C-alpha atoms as a PDB file:
ATOM      1  CA  MET A   1     128.670  50.427 105.596  1.00  0.00           C
ATOM      2  CA  GLY A   2     126.298  49.140 102.943  1.00  0.00           C
ATOM      3  CA  THR A   3     123.089  47.208 102.622  1.00  0.00           C
ATOM      4  CA  THR A   4     123.224  43.598 101.418  1.00  0.00           C
ATOM      5  CA  VAL A   5     120.313  42.820  99.101  1.00  0.00           C
ATOM      6  CA  ASN A   6     119.395  39.499  97.506  1.00  0.00           C
ATOM      7  CA  ASN A   7     119.799  39.276  93.763  1.00  0.00           C
ATOM      8  CA  THR A   8     117.098  37.793  91.551  1.00  0.00           C
ATOM      9  CA  THR A   9     117.083  34.014  91.254  1.00  0.00           C
ATOM     10  CA  ALA A  10     115.960  31.928  88.317  1.00  0.00           C
ATOM     11  CA  GLU A  11     113.377  30.249  90.555  1.00  0.00           C
ATOM     12  CA  SER A  12     111.698  33.441  91.778  1.00  0.00           C
ATOM     13  CA  THR A  13     112.328  35.856  88.895  1.00  0.00           C
ATOM     14  CA  ARG A  14     111.438  38.767  91.228  1.00  0.00           C
ATOM     15  CA  VAL A  15     112.900  42.051  89.994  1.00  0.00           C
ATOM     16  CA  LEU A  16     112.993  45.663  91.116  1.00  0.00           C
ATOM     17  CA  LEU A  17     111.201  48.097  88.811  1.00  0.00           C
ATOM     18  CA  VAL A  18     112.462  51.627  89.431  1.00  0.00           C
ATOM     19  CA  GLY A  19     110.857  54.721  87.995  1.00  0.00           C
ATOM     20  CA  GLU A  20     112.106  58.279  87.814  1.00  0.00           C
ATOM     21  CA  MET A  21     109.179  60.664  87.881  1.00  0.00           C
ATOM     22  CA  MET A  22     108.815  63.908  85.959  1.00  0.00           C
ATOM     23  CA  ASP A  23     109.313  65.875  89.202  1.00  0.00           C
ATOM     24  CA  GLY A  24     112.715  64.205  89.767  1.00  0.00           C
ATOM     25  CA  SER A  25     111.553  61.824  92.490  1.00  0.00           C
ATOM     26  CA  PHE A  26     111.827  58.038  92.378  1.00  0.00           C
ATOM     27  CA  ASP A  27     109.507  55.141  93.145  1.00  0.00           C
ATOM     28  CA  ALA A  28     110.070  51.391  92.987  1.00  0.00           C
ATOM     29  CA  ARG A  29     108.170  48.115  93.161  1.00  0.00           C
ATOM     30  CA  VAL A  30     109.273  44.515  93.492  1.00  0.00           C
ATOM     31  CA  MET A  31     107.385  42.278  91.067  1.00  0.00           C
ATOM     32  CA  ALA A  32     107.659  39.153  89.002  1.00  0.00           C
ATOM     33  CA  GLU A  33     109.707  39.774  85.895  1.00  0.00           C
ATOM     34  CA  THR A  34     106.743  38.636  83.790  1.00  0.00           C
ATOM     35  CA  ASP A  35     104.586  41.393  85.364  1.00  0.00           C
ATOM     36  CA  VAL A  36     106.859  44.241  84.265  1.00  0.00           C
ATOM     37  CA  PRO A  37     104.863  46.296  81.760  1.00  0.00           C
ATOM     38  CA  TYR A  38     106.196  47.194  78.353  1.00  0.00           C
ATOM     39  CA  THR A  39     104.545  50.581  78.824  1.00  0.00           C
ATOM     40  CA  LYS A  40     104.766  53.058  81.695  1.00  0.00           C
ATOM     41  CA  TYR A  41     103.991  51.640  85.140  1.00  0.00           C
ATOM     42  CA  TRP A  42     103.562  55.060  86.767  1.00  0.00           C
ATOM     43  CA  ASP A  43     101.469  57.751  85.045  1.00  0.00           C
ATOM     44  CA  ASN A  44     103.933  60.556  85.718  1.00  0.00           C
ATOM     45  CA  GLU A  45     107.161  58.674  85.025  1.00  0.00           C
ATOM     46  CA  LEU A  46     109.993  59.933  82.914  1.00  0.00           C
ATOM     47  CA  GLU A  47     111.867  56.647  82.766  1.00  0.00           C
ATOM     48  CA  GLN A  48     111.710  53.150  84.229  1.00  0.00           C
ATOM     49  CA  ARG A  49     114.362  50.484  84.563  1.00  0.00           C
ATOM     50  CA  ILE A  50     114.553  46.897  85.735  1.00  0.00           C
ATOM     51  CA  VAL A  51     117.214  45.953  88.274  1.00  0.00           C
ATOM     52  CA  TYR A  52     117.772  42.289  89.091  1.00  0.00           C
ATOM     53  CA  LEU A  53     117.463  42.743  92.851  1.00  0.00           C
ATOM     54  CA  ASN A  54     114.875  41.304  95.241  1.00  0.00           C
ATOM     55  CA  PRO A  55     114.903  43.601  98.288  1.00  0.00           C
ATOM     56  CA  ASP A  56     112.719  43.099 101.349  1.00  0.00           C
ATOM     57  CA  PRO A  57     110.290  45.939 102.229  1.00  0.00           C
ATOM     58  CA  ASP A  58     112.797  47.770 104.484  1.00  0.00           C
ATOM     59  CA  GLN A  59     115.553  47.504 101.888  1.00  0.00           C
ATOM     60  CA  LEU A  60     113.149  48.783  99.222  1.00  0.00           C
ATOM     61  CA  LYS A  61     112.399  51.854 101.366  1.00  0.00           C
ATOM     62  CA  ALA A  62     116.134  52.432 101.883  1.00  0.00           C
ATOM     63  CA  ILE A  63     116.835  52.172  98.131  1.00  0.00           C
ATOM     64  CA  VAL A  64     114.055  54.630  97.236  1.00  0.00           C
ATOM     65  CA  ALA A  65     115.217  57.023  99.979  1.00  0.00           C
ATOM     66  CA  ALA A  66     118.820  56.862  98.700  1.00  0.00           C
ATOM     67  CA  LEU A  67     117.639  57.604  95.160  1.00  0.00           C
ATOM     68  CA  ASN A  68     115.438  60.505  96.281  1.00  0.00           C
ATOM     69  CA  GLU A  69     118.208  61.946  98.475  1.00  0.00           C
ATOM     70  CA  ARG A  70     120.686  61.608  95.583  1.00  0.00           C
ATOM     71  CA  ARG A  71     122.975  59.316  97.589  1.00  0.00           C
ATOM     72  CA  LEU A  72     122.544  56.731  94.824  1.00  0.00           C
ATOM     73  CA  SER A  73     121.966  57.322  91.133  1.00  0.00           C
ATOM     74  CA  LEU A  74     119.770  55.181  88.924  1.00  0.00           C
ATOM     75  CA  ASP A  75     122.788  54.456  86.729  1.00  0.00           C
ATOM     76  CA  ASP A  76     124.801  53.290  89.739  1.00  0.00           C
ATOM     77  CA  LEU A  77     121.912  51.148  90.987  1.00  0.00           C
ATOM     78  CA  GLN A  78     121.910  49.272  87.689  1.00  0.00           C
ATOM     79  CA  ASN A  79     125.489  48.164  88.361  1.00  0.00           C
ATOM     80  CA  PHE A  80     124.140  45.871  91.078  1.00  0.00           C
ATOM     81  CA  GLY A  81     122.044  42.731  90.979  1.00  0.00           C
ATOM     82  CA  GLY A  82     122.051  39.664  88.839  1.00  0.00           C
ATOM     83  CA  SER A  83     119.743  36.900  87.711  1.00  0.00           C
ATOM     84  CA  SER A  84     121.665  33.942  89.124  1.00  0.00           C
ATOM     85  CA  GLY A  85     121.189  34.561  92.847  1.00  0.00           C
ATOM     86  CA  GLY A  86     123.707  35.684  95.392  1.00  0.00           C
ATOM     87  CA  THR A  87     123.722  39.123  96.943  1.00  0.00           C
ATOM     88  CA  SER A  88     124.766  42.670  96.147  1.00  0.00           C
ATOM     89  CA  ASP A  89     126.207  45.174  98.617  1.00  0.00           C
ATOM     90  CA  LEU A  90     124.616  48.538  97.884  1.00  0.00           C
ATOM     91  CA  PRO A  91     126.452  51.617  99.188  1.00  0.00           C
ATOM     92  CA  ILE A  92     123.465  52.937 101.144  1.00  0.00           C
END
C-alpha cells in the first residue's frame, strides 16, 4: 500500500524541497518554487533537491519519516512528481 500525493501544478507551483543533513537525517519543506533558495536552505545540509510534489502536512511527515528510516531513498523520491498536476503513488 502506498501514499497518493498531489503533484505540482502550473497554477500553484508548490514544490517539495528535501535536504539531506550532514548527520544523515532528512528534512523537507513545501514552498513556492520561486522561494527555493539557490544556496543552502538548512545550515547543516549536505545536499538539497527539489521534487515536484505538493504533499499535505501528514504526507510530508510520512515522506520525511520514510527517508529517515531508509524505506525511501532521495534518488527514488525524485522519480515521483511532475509539474503538470495529477498524483504520484509513493511506496510508503
